[in-house]
Protein backbone atom coordinates (compact mmCIF):
# COMPACT_ATOMS: atom_id res chain seq x y z
CA MET A 1 105.46 107.57 29.77
CA VAL A 2 105.10 111.13 31.15
CA PRO A 3 101.36 111.23 30.22
CA VAL A 4 100.63 108.26 31.94
CA PHE A 5 102.42 109.39 35.07
CA GLU A 6 100.49 112.70 34.92
CA ARG A 7 97.18 110.87 34.83
CA LEU A 8 97.97 108.54 37.66
CA GLU A 9 99.09 111.64 39.57
CA ARG A 10 95.63 113.10 38.78
CA ALA A 11 93.89 110.06 39.93
CA PHE A 12 95.83 110.14 42.98
CA GLU A 13 94.55 113.77 43.87
CA ASP A 14 91.20 112.76 42.89
CA VAL A 15 91.08 109.82 45.65
CA LEU A 16 92.29 112.13 48.21
CA ALA A 17 89.66 114.70 47.31
CA GLY A 18 86.96 112.27 46.95
CA ARG A 19 86.09 112.70 43.47
CA ILE A 20 86.78 108.89 42.59
CA THR A 21 87.30 105.84 44.72
CA ALA A 22 90.17 104.10 45.66
CA ARG A 23 89.12 100.90 43.50
CA GLN A 24 88.65 103.23 40.55
CA ALA A 25 92.28 104.32 40.94
CA THR A 26 93.64 100.73 41.38
CA ALA A 27 91.86 100.00 38.16
CA ALA A 28 93.50 102.83 36.43
CA ALA A 29 96.85 101.91 37.67
CA ALA A 30 96.29 98.47 36.43
CA VAL A 31 95.65 99.56 33.20
CA ALA A 32 98.74 101.98 33.33
CA ARG A 33 101.21 99.14 34.24
CA ALA A 34 99.81 97.04 31.47
CA MET A 35 100.34 99.81 28.95
CA ILE A 36 103.79 100.46 30.38
CA ALA A 37 104.71 96.62 30.09
CA THR A 38 103.55 96.44 26.41
CA ALA A 39 105.27 99.69 25.50
CA THR A 40 108.65 98.39 27.34
CA ALA A 41 108.25 95.19 25.76
CA GLY A 42 107.87 96.60 22.10
CA GLU A 43 110.74 98.98 22.70
CA LEU A 44 112.89 95.92 23.72
CA GLU A 45 111.86 94.01 20.85
CA GLN A 46 112.79 96.51 18.34
CA ARG A 47 116.12 97.16 20.10
CA VAL A 48 116.75 93.35 19.68
CA ARG A 49 115.75 93.66 15.85
CA ASP A 50 118.16 96.69 15.50
CA ILE A 51 121.02 94.51 16.99
CA GLU A 52 120.17 91.55 14.99
CA ALA A 53 120.24 93.74 11.74
CA ALA A 54 123.38 95.30 12.52
CA ARG A 55 125.05 92.05 13.21
CA ALA A 56 123.73 90.62 9.95
CA GLY A 57 124.93 93.70 8.31
CA ASP A 58 128.36 93.00 9.75
CA LYS A 59 128.45 89.60 8.71
CA ASP A 60 127.43 90.51 5.15
CA ALA A 61 130.32 93.11 5.05
CA LYS A 62 132.72 90.51 6.24
CA GLY A 63 131.60 87.91 3.70
CA ALA A 64 132.18 90.49 0.77
CA SER A 65 135.85 91.13 1.76
């Protein structure tokens, strides 16, 4: 996430300096939001899979006793 933040920070500075338009910065921010949402969803899905795998392992261990 840090590289995305740094690029958005640069875009902000570029708008203030007149190197890019506010419209271009808004488009970049929208893409960044989508990237972060996708990454966050992927992390959450992985955590759920890990929890489910751990619970399945617990059930298998209890069944073997």
